[in-house]
């Protein structure tokens, strides 16, 4: 006959194994989630609606580049806009108090996340600061063919 001490030990061992298993599963899930957030996916894209609190064309906050702090219904959100020259090339300005709509998604950066804008819209004007794969656009991508031709050979 098996003693109750042996049964308790067996139950305790089973509990430890199940706990370790669920912790490992949770860790794998969080690693998969973090890995998924390292690349842009339009299927995860969301819209932020808010008011500009602050615009910085060359922020020291990572990732480097232009950032806008947006006051939303949920609080303030720091949004990465990429290269400020893309906004300048499109004659797009952001000033405190401006109402904007931003399409983008949170992406991982080290142990934290940031909101990566893809399209910034103010009124009827919209500028794509990232393409659909999440790559930052360049001022040259906003140029007309005539403007690009005028720059040929200029270094």
N, C-alpha and C. Protein backbone atom coordinates (compact mmCIF):
# COMPACT_ATOMS: atom_id res chain seq x y z
N UNK A 1 0.83 -1.18 0.00
CA UNK A 1 0.00 0.00 0.00
C UNK A 1 0.88 1.26 0.00
N UNK A 2 0.50 2.26 -0.78
CA UNK A 2 1.28 3.49 -0.92
C UNK A 2 0.90 4.43 0.21
N UNK A 3 1.88 5.00 0.85
CA UNK A 3 1.59 5.89 1.97
C UNK A 3 1.11 7.25 1.47
N UNK A 4 0.42 7.96 2.33
CA UNK A 4 -0.07 9.29 1.96
C UNK A 4 1.09 10.26 1.74
N UNK A 5 2.21 10.00 2.40
CA UNK A 5 3.39 10.83 2.21
C UNK A 5 3.91 10.72 0.78
N UNK A 6 3.91 9.52 0.23
CA UNK A 6 4.36 9.29 -1.14
C UNK A 6 3.38 9.93 -2.12
N UNK A 7 2.08 9.82 -1.84
CA UNK A 7 1.05 10.42 -2.72
C UNK A 7 1.19 11.94 -2.72
N UNK A 8 1.38 12.52 -1.53
CA UNK A 8 1.54 13.98 -1.45
C UNK A 8 2.78 14.43 -2.22
N UNK A 9 3.85 13.69 -2.07
CA UNK A 9 5.09 14.02 -2.79
C UNK A 9 4.87 13.94 -4.30
N UNK A 10 4.13 12.93 -4.74
CA UNK A 10 3.83 12.78 -6.16
C UNK A 10 2.98 13.92 -6.68
N UNK A 11 1.98 14.30 -5.89
CA UNK A 11 1.10 15.42 -6.29
C UNK A 11 1.90 16.72 -6.34
N UNK A 12 2.78 16.91 -5.35
CA UNK A 12 3.60 18.12 -5.32
C UNK A 12 4.53 18.16 -6.54
N UNK A 13 5.14 17.03 -6.85
CA UNK A 13 6.03 16.97 -8.01
C UNK A 13 5.26 17.26 -9.30
N UNK A 14 4.06 16.70 -9.42
CA UNK A 14 3.23 16.96 -10.59
C UNK A 14 2.88 18.44 -10.70
N UNK A 15 2.56 19.06 -9.56
CA UNK A 15 2.25 20.49 -9.55
C UNK A 15 3.42 21.33 -10.00
N UNK A 16 4.63 20.97 -9.56
CA UNK A 16 5.82 21.71 -9.95
C UNK A 16 6.06 21.59 -11.46
N UNK A 17 5.91 20.37 -11.97
CA UNK A 17 6.10 20.15 -13.41
C UNK A 17 5.08 20.94 -14.22
N UNK A 18 3.82 20.93 -13.79
CA UNK A 18 2.78 21.68 -14.51
C UNK A 18 3.03 23.18 -14.44
N UNK A 19 3.48 23.69 -13.29
CA UNK A 19 3.78 25.12 -13.16
C UNK A 19 4.93 25.51 -14.07
N UNK A 20 5.98 24.71 -14.07
CA UNK A 20 7.13 25.01 -14.93
C UNK A 20 6.72 24.97 -16.40
N UNK A 21 5.86 24.05 -16.75
CA UNK A 21 5.40 23.92 -18.12
C UNK A 21 4.61 25.16 -18.54
N UNK A 22 3.72 25.63 -17.66
CA UNK A 22 2.90 26.80 -18.01
C UNK A 22 3.75 28.05 -18.06
N UNK A 23 4.79 28.16 -17.19
CA UNK A 23 5.69 29.31 -17.26
C UNK A 23 6.47 29.31 -18.56
N UNK A 24 6.94 28.15 -18.98
CA UNK A 24 7.67 28.04 -20.24
C UNK A 24 6.79 28.43 -21.41
N UNK A 25 5.53 27.98 -21.38
CA UNK A 25 4.58 28.32 -22.45
C UNK A 25 4.33 29.82 -22.48
N UNK A 26 4.16 30.44 -21.29
CA UNK A 26 3.92 31.88 -21.23
C UNK A 26 5.13 32.65 -21.75
N UNK A 27 6.34 32.17 -21.42
CA UNK A 27 7.55 32.83 -21.90
C UNK A 27 7.66 32.72 -23.41
N UNK A 28 7.34 31.55 -23.98
CA UNK A 28 7.39 31.38 -25.42
C UNK A 28 6.38 32.29 -26.10
N UNK A 29 5.18 32.41 -25.50
CA UNK A 29 4.14 33.27 -26.07
C UNK A 29 4.59 34.72 -26.06
N UNK A 30 5.18 35.19 -24.93
CA UNK A 30 5.60 36.58 -24.87
C UNK A 30 6.77 36.83 -25.82
N UNK A 31 7.67 35.84 -26.00
CA UNK A 31 8.75 36.00 -26.96
C UNK A 31 8.21 36.06 -28.38
N UNK A 32 7.19 35.24 -28.68
CA UNK A 32 6.59 35.26 -30.01
C UNK A 32 5.89 36.60 -30.25
N UNK A 33 5.20 37.13 -29.22
CA UNK A 33 4.54 38.42 -29.36
C UNK A 33 5.57 39.52 -29.61
N UNK A 34 6.66 39.51 -28.83
CA UNK A 34 7.71 40.52 -29.00
C UNK A 34 8.34 40.41 -30.39
N UNK A 35 8.58 39.18 -30.85
CA UNK A 35 9.16 38.98 -32.19
C UNK A 35 8.22 39.50 -33.26
N UNK A 36 6.92 39.27 -33.07
CA UNK A 36 5.93 39.73 -34.04
C UNK A 36 5.92 41.25 -34.12
N UNK A 37 6.16 41.92 -33.00
CA UNK A 37 6.14 43.38 -32.96
C UNK A 37 7.41 44.02 -33.51
N UNK A 38 8.36 43.23 -33.96
CA UNK A 38 9.58 43.79 -34.52
C UNK A 38 9.42 44.13 -36.00
N UNK A 39 8.37 43.65 -36.62
CA UNK A 39 8.13 43.96 -38.03
C UNK A 39 6.73 44.52 -38.19
N UNK A 40 6.60 45.45 -39.12
CA UNK A 40 5.32 46.13 -39.35
C UNK A 40 4.36 45.21 -40.08
N UNK A 41 3.11 45.22 -39.65
CA UNK A 41 2.07 44.44 -40.32
C UNK A 41 0.80 45.27 -40.39
N UNK A 42 0.30 45.46 -41.58
CA UNK A 42 -0.92 46.26 -41.75
C UNK A 42 -2.11 45.63 -41.04
N UNK A 43 -2.06 44.33 -40.77
CA UNK A 43 -3.17 43.66 -40.08
C UNK A 43 -3.29 44.13 -38.63
N UNK A 44 -2.21 44.68 -38.07
CA UNK A 44 -2.25 45.18 -36.68
C UNK A 44 -2.41 46.70 -36.62
N UNK A 45 -2.53 47.33 -37.76
CA UNK A 45 -2.58 48.79 -37.82
C UNK A 45 -3.81 49.33 -37.12
N UNK A 46 -3.62 50.43 -36.37
CA UNK A 46 -4.71 51.11 -35.68
C UNK A 46 -4.61 52.60 -35.98
N UNK A 47 -5.65 53.34 -35.60
CA UNK A 47 -5.68 54.78 -35.80
C UNK A 47 -5.66 55.49 -34.46
N UNK A 48 -4.86 56.53 -34.38
CA UNK A 48 -4.85 57.41 -33.22
C UNK A 48 -5.47 58.73 -33.63
N UNK A 49 -6.38 59.21 -32.82
CA UNK A 49 -6.97 60.53 -33.04
C UNK A 49 -6.60 61.38 -31.84
N UNK A 50 -6.10 62.56 -32.09
CA UNK A 50 -5.73 63.39 -30.95
C UNK A 50 -5.27 64.76 -31.37
N UNK A 51 -4.75 65.47 -30.34
CA UNK A 51 -4.28 66.82 -30.51
C UNK A 51 -2.78 66.86 -30.27
N UNK A 52 -2.07 67.59 -31.12
CA UNK A 52 -0.63 67.71 -30.97
C UNK A 52 -0.31 68.48 -29.70
N UNK A 53 0.52 67.88 -28.85
CA UNK A 53 1.02 68.55 -27.65
C UNK A 53 2.39 69.12 -27.96
N UNK A 54 3.22 68.33 -28.64
CA UNK A 54 4.59 68.75 -28.94
C UNK A 54 5.06 68.05 -30.20
N UNK A 55 5.78 68.79 -31.04
CA UNK A 55 6.41 68.20 -32.22
C UNK A 55 7.89 68.48 -32.14
N UNK A 56 8.70 67.44 -32.37
CA UNK A 56 10.16 67.58 -32.36
C UNK A 56 10.69 66.96 -33.64
N UNK A 57 11.32 67.76 -34.49
CA UNK A 57 11.79 67.26 -35.78
C UNK A 57 13.04 66.39 -35.67
N UNK A 58 13.76 66.50 -34.54
CA UNK A 58 14.98 65.70 -34.36
C UNK A 58 15.09 65.27 -32.90
N UNK A 59 14.20 64.41 -32.49
CA UNK A 59 14.14 63.96 -31.10
C UNK A 59 15.30 63.05 -30.75
N UNK A 60 15.75 63.13 -29.51
CA UNK A 60 16.79 62.22 -29.00
C UNK A 60 16.17 60.92 -28.51
N UNK A 61 14.85 60.87 -28.44
CA UNK A 61 14.14 59.66 -28.03
C UNK A 61 14.26 58.62 -29.13
N UNK A 62 14.54 57.39 -28.73
CA UNK A 62 14.63 56.30 -29.73
C UNK A 62 13.25 55.87 -30.18
N UNK A 63 13.08 55.51 -31.42
CA UNK A 63 14.05 55.62 -32.51
C UNK A 63 14.24 57.08 -32.90
N UNK A 64 15.42 57.37 -33.37
CA UNK A 64 15.79 58.75 -33.74
C UNK A 64 14.91 59.24 -34.88
N UNK A 65 14.73 60.55 -34.90
CA UNK A 65 13.94 61.16 -35.96
C UNK A 65 12.87 62.05 -35.39
N UNK A 66 11.90 62.35 -36.21
CA UNK A 66 10.80 63.21 -35.80
C UNK A 66 9.83 62.44 -34.90
N UNK A 67 9.37 63.13 -33.86
CA UNK A 67 8.38 62.57 -32.94
C UNK A 67 7.30 63.62 -32.71
N UNK A 68 6.09 63.16 -32.48
CA UNK A 68 5.02 64.02 -32.07
C UNK A 68 4.39 63.40 -30.82
N UNK A 69 4.14 64.25 -29.82
CA UNK A 69 3.41 63.79 -28.64
C UNK A 69 1.97 64.17 -28.87
N UNK A 70 1.13 63.15 -28.82
CA UNK A 70 -0.28 63.32 -29.14
C UNK A 70 -1.14 63.11 -27.91
N UNK A 71 -2.05 64.03 -27.64
CA UNK A 71 -3.00 63.86 -26.54
C UNK A 71 -4.23 63.14 -27.11
N UNK A 72 -4.45 61.90 -26.67
CA UNK A 72 -5.59 61.12 -27.12
C UNK A 72 -6.56 60.96 -25.96
N UNK A 73 -7.69 60.33 -26.21
CA UNK A 73 -8.66 60.07 -25.14
C UNK A 73 -8.09 59.16 -24.07
N UNK A 74 -7.09 58.36 -24.43
CA UNK A 74 -6.46 57.43 -23.48
C UNK A 74 -5.24 58.00 -22.80
N UNK A 75 -4.83 59.20 -23.14
CA UNK A 75 -3.62 59.80 -22.58
C UNK A 75 -2.66 60.22 -23.67
N UNK A 76 -1.46 60.59 -23.27
CA UNK A 76 -0.46 61.05 -24.24
C UNK A 76 0.28 59.87 -24.84
N UNK A 77 0.54 59.98 -26.14
CA UNK A 77 1.26 58.94 -26.88
C UNK A 77 2.39 59.61 -27.65
N UNK A 78 3.61 59.05 -27.50
CA UNK A 78 4.75 59.51 -28.28
C UNK A 78 4.78 58.71 -29.58
N UNK A 79 4.71 59.40 -30.70
CA UNK A 79 4.62 58.75 -32.01
C UNK A 79 5.87 59.06 -32.83
N UNK A 80 6.49 58.01 -33.37
CA UNK A 80 7.66 58.19 -34.23
C UNK A 80 7.20 58.45 -35.66
N UNK A 81 7.69 59.55 -36.24
CA UNK A 81 7.29 59.94 -37.59
C UNK A 81 8.39 59.73 -38.63
N UNK A 82 9.56 59.30 -38.20
CA UNK A 82 10.64 59.06 -39.16
C UNK A 82 11.39 60.32 -39.49
N UNK A 83 11.68 60.51 -40.78
CA UNK A 83 12.49 61.61 -41.27
C UNK A 83 11.63 62.87 -41.41
N UNK A 84 11.98 63.92 -40.66
CA UNK A 84 11.22 65.17 -40.70
C UNK A 84 11.23 65.81 -42.08
N UNK A 85 12.26 65.50 -42.88
CA UNK A 85 12.34 66.08 -44.23
C UNK A 85 11.22 65.57 -45.13
N UNK A 86 10.67 64.41 -44.81
CA UNK A 86 9.52 63.90 -45.58
C UNK A 86 8.33 64.83 -45.35
N UNK A 87 8.13 65.25 -44.10
CA UNK A 87 7.04 66.18 -43.80
C UNK A 87 7.29 67.53 -44.46
N UNK A 88 8.55 68.00 -44.40
CA UNK A 88 8.90 69.29 -45.02
C UNK A 88 8.68 69.25 -46.53
N UNK A 89 9.07 68.16 -47.17
CA UNK A 89 8.91 68.03 -48.63
C UNK A 89 7.44 68.08 -49.04
N UNK A 90 6.58 67.62 -48.14
CA UNK A 90 5.14 67.64 -48.43
C UNK A 90 4.48 68.92 -47.92
N UNK A 91 5.28 69.87 -47.42
CA UNK A 91 4.76 71.13 -46.85
C UNK A 91 3.74 70.84 -45.76
N UNK A 92 4.10 69.90 -44.90
CA UNK A 92 3.22 69.44 -43.82
C UNK A 92 3.82 69.89 -42.48
N UNK A 93 3.06 70.67 -41.74
CA UNK A 93 3.53 71.15 -40.44
C UNK A 93 2.65 70.63 -39.32
N UNK A 94 3.26 70.46 -38.16
CA UNK A 94 2.52 70.05 -36.97
C UNK A 94 2.81 71.06 -35.86
N UNK A 95 1.74 71.65 -35.35
CA UNK A 95 1.87 72.65 -34.30
C UNK A 95 0.99 72.25 -33.11
N UNK A 96 1.39 72.66 -31.90
CA UNK A 96 0.54 72.36 -30.74
C UNK A 96 -0.89 72.83 -30.98
N UNK A 97 -1.83 71.96 -30.65
CA UNK A 97 -3.24 72.28 -30.84
C UNK A 97 -3.84 71.70 -32.10
N UNK A 98 -2.99 71.29 -33.07
CA UNK A 98 -3.50 70.70 -34.31
C UNK A 98 -4.16 69.36 -34.02
N UNK A 99 -5.31 69.12 -34.65
CA UNK A 99 -5.97 67.82 -34.56
C UNK A 99 -5.44 66.94 -35.68
N UNK A 100 -5.02 65.73 -35.33
CA UNK A 100 -4.44 64.83 -36.32
C UNK A 100 -5.00 63.42 -36.16
N UNK A 101 -4.87 62.69 -37.23
CA UNK A 101 -5.22 61.27 -37.26
C UNK A 101 -3.98 60.54 -37.76
N UNK A 102 -3.56 59.52 -37.02
CA UNK A 102 -2.35 58.80 -37.39
C UNK A 102 -2.65 57.31 -37.50
N UNK A 103 -2.30 56.75 -38.65
CA UNK A 103 -2.40 55.30 -38.85
C UNK A 103 -1.02 54.72 -38.57
N UNK A 104 -0.98 53.67 -37.77
CA UNK A 104 0.30 53.04 -37.46
C UNK A 104 0.09 51.90 -36.50
N UNK A 105 1.17 51.51 -35.83
CA UNK A 105 1.07 50.42 -34.87
C UNK A 105 2.23 50.45 -33.90
N UNK A 106 2.02 49.86 -32.73
CA UNK A 106 3.14 49.76 -31.78
C UNK A 106 4.14 48.72 -32.27
N UNK A 107 5.42 49.05 -32.16
CA UNK A 107 6.50 48.13 -32.53
C UNK A 107 7.47 48.01 -31.37
N UNK A 108 8.16 46.88 -31.30
CA UNK A 108 9.12 46.63 -30.23
C UNK A 108 10.45 47.31 -30.55
N UNK A 109 11.08 47.80 -29.49
CA UNK A 109 12.41 48.38 -29.57
C UNK A 109 13.11 48.00 -28.27
N UNK A 110 13.94 46.99 -28.34
CA UNK A 110 14.57 46.48 -27.11
C UNK A 110 13.51 45.88 -26.21
N UNK A 111 13.46 46.37 -24.97
CA UNK A 111 12.48 45.87 -24.00
C UNK A 111 11.21 46.71 -23.96
N UNK A 112 11.13 47.73 -24.80
CA UNK A 112 9.95 48.60 -24.80
C UNK A 112 9.30 48.62 -26.17
N UNK A 113 8.25 49.41 -26.29
CA UNK A 113 7.58 49.57 -27.58
C UNK A 113 7.46 51.06 -27.89
N UNK A 114 7.24 51.36 -29.15
CA UNK A 114 6.97 52.72 -29.58
C UNK A 114 5.87 52.67 -30.63
N UNK A 115 5.18 53.78 -30.85
CA UNK A 115 4.13 53.83 -31.87
C UNK A 115 4.75 54.33 -33.16
N UNK A 116 4.73 53.48 -34.18
CA UNK A 116 5.30 53.81 -35.49
C UNK A 116 4.19 54.29 -36.41
N UNK A 117 4.25 55.55 -36.79
CA UNK A 117 3.25 56.10 -37.70
C UNK A 117 3.53 55.64 -39.12
N UNK A 118 2.48 55.37 -39.87
CA UNK A 118 2.61 55.09 -41.30
C UNK A 118 2.06 56.26 -42.10
N UNK A 119 0.89 56.76 -41.68
CA UNK A 119 0.27 57.91 -42.35
C UNK A 119 -0.12 58.93 -41.29
N UNK A 120 0.25 60.17 -41.54
CA UNK A 120 -0.13 61.27 -40.65
C UNK A 120 -1.08 62.16 -41.43
N UNK A 121 -2.24 62.45 -40.84
CA UNK A 121 -3.25 63.25 -41.55
C UNK A 121 -3.68 64.42 -40.66
N UNK A 122 -3.70 65.60 -41.28
CA UNK A 122 -4.20 66.81 -40.62
C UNK A 122 -5.17 67.46 -41.60
N UNK A 123 -6.41 67.51 -41.24
CA UNK A 123 -7.42 68.03 -42.16
C UNK A 123 -7.51 67.13 -43.38
N UNK A 124 -7.38 67.72 -44.55
CA UNK A 124 -7.45 66.94 -45.79
C UNK A 124 -6.07 66.53 -46.31
N UNK A 125 -5.02 66.97 -45.62
CA UNK A 125 -3.65 66.66 -46.06
C UNK A 125 -3.13 65.44 -45.29
N UNK A 126 -2.58 64.49 -46.04
CA UNK A 126 -2.02 63.28 -45.43
C UNK A 126 -0.65 63.01 -46.04
N UNK A 127 0.26 62.51 -45.20
CA UNK A 127 1.61 62.18 -45.65
C UNK A 127 1.95 60.77 -45.17
N UNK A 128 2.45 59.95 -46.09
CA UNK A 128 2.90 58.61 -45.74
C UNK A 128 4.36 58.71 -45.29
N UNK A 129 4.63 58.39 -44.02
CA UNK A 129 5.99 58.44 -43.51
C UNK A 129 6.64 57.06 -43.50
N UNK A 130 5.82 56.01 -43.70
CA UNK A 130 6.31 54.64 -43.87
C UNK A 130 5.50 54.01 -44.99
N UNK A 131 6.09 53.01 -45.65
CA UNK A 131 5.31 52.28 -46.65
C UNK A 131 4.52 51.17 -45.97
N UNK A 132 3.81 50.38 -46.73
CA UNK A 132 2.95 49.35 -46.15
C UNK A 132 3.72 48.22 -45.47
N UNK A 133 5.02 48.15 -45.73
CA UNK A 133 5.87 47.15 -45.06
C UNK A 133 6.56 47.73 -43.84
N UNK A 134 6.30 49.02 -43.57
CA UNK A 134 6.87 49.65 -42.39
C UNK A 134 8.19 50.35 -42.61
N UNK A 135 8.72 50.36 -43.84
CA UNK A 135 9.98 51.04 -44.12
C UNK A 135 9.74 52.54 -44.23
N UNK A 136 10.64 53.31 -43.63
CA UNK A 136 10.51 54.77 -43.67
C UNK A 136 10.62 55.28 -45.10
N UNK A 137 9.79 56.25 -45.42
CA UNK A 137 9.88 56.88 -46.73
C UNK A 137 10.97 57.94 -46.68
N UNK A 138 11.39 58.38 -47.85
CA UNK A 138 12.43 59.40 -47.95
C UNK A 138 11.84 60.61 -48.66
N UNK A 139 12.46 61.77 -48.49
CA UNK A 139 11.95 62.94 -49.20
C UNK A 139 11.91 62.71 -50.71
N UNK A 140 12.86 61.94 -51.24
CA UNK A 140 12.90 61.69 -52.69
C UNK A 140 11.67 60.90 -53.15
N UNK A 141 11.10 60.10 -52.26
CA UNK A 141 9.93 59.32 -52.67
C UNK A 141 8.70 60.20 -52.86
N UNK A 142 8.77 61.45 -52.38
CA UNK A 142 7.65 62.38 -52.55
C UNK A 142 7.82 63.28 -53.77
N UNK A 143 8.99 63.21 -54.40
CA UNK A 143 9.27 64.09 -55.54
C UNK A 143 8.55 63.63 -56.80
N UNK A 144 8.23 64.59 -57.61
CA UNK A 144 7.65 64.29 -58.92
C UNK A 144 8.77 63.80 -59.83
N UNK A 145 8.44 63.11 -60.91
CA UNK A 145 9.50 62.69 -61.85
C UNK A 145 10.33 63.87 -62.36
N UNK A 146 9.71 65.02 -62.56
CA UNK A 146 10.43 66.20 -63.04
C UNK A 146 11.46 66.67 -62.00
N UNK A 147 11.07 66.65 -60.71
CA UNK A 147 11.99 67.07 -59.66
C UNK A 147 13.16 66.09 -59.56
N UNK A 148 12.89 64.81 -59.68
CA UNK A 148 13.96 63.81 -59.64
C UNK A 148 14.92 64.00 -60.82
N UNK A 149 14.38 64.27 -61.99
CA UNK A 149 15.20 64.48 -63.19
C UNK A 149 16.09 65.70 -63.02
N UNK A 150 15.56 66.75 -62.37
CA UNK A 150 16.33 67.97 -62.16
C UNK A 150 17.53 67.73 -61.24
N UNK A 151 17.44 66.74 -60.37
CA UNK A 151 18.54 66.44 -59.44
C UNK A 151 19.57 65.48 -60.02
N UNK A 152 19.32 64.90 -61.18
CA UNK A 152 20.27 63.95 -61.78
C UNK A 152 21.62 64.62 -61.98
N UNK A 153 22.65 63.92 -61.56
CA UNK A 153 24.00 64.41 -61.71
C UNK A 153 24.42 65.39 -60.63
N UNK A 154 23.50 65.82 -59.78
CA UNK A 154 23.85 66.73 -58.70
C UNK A 154 24.31 65.91 -57.51
N UNK A 155 25.49 66.20 -56.99
CA UNK A 155 26.02 65.44 -55.84
C UNK A 155 26.44 66.39 -54.79
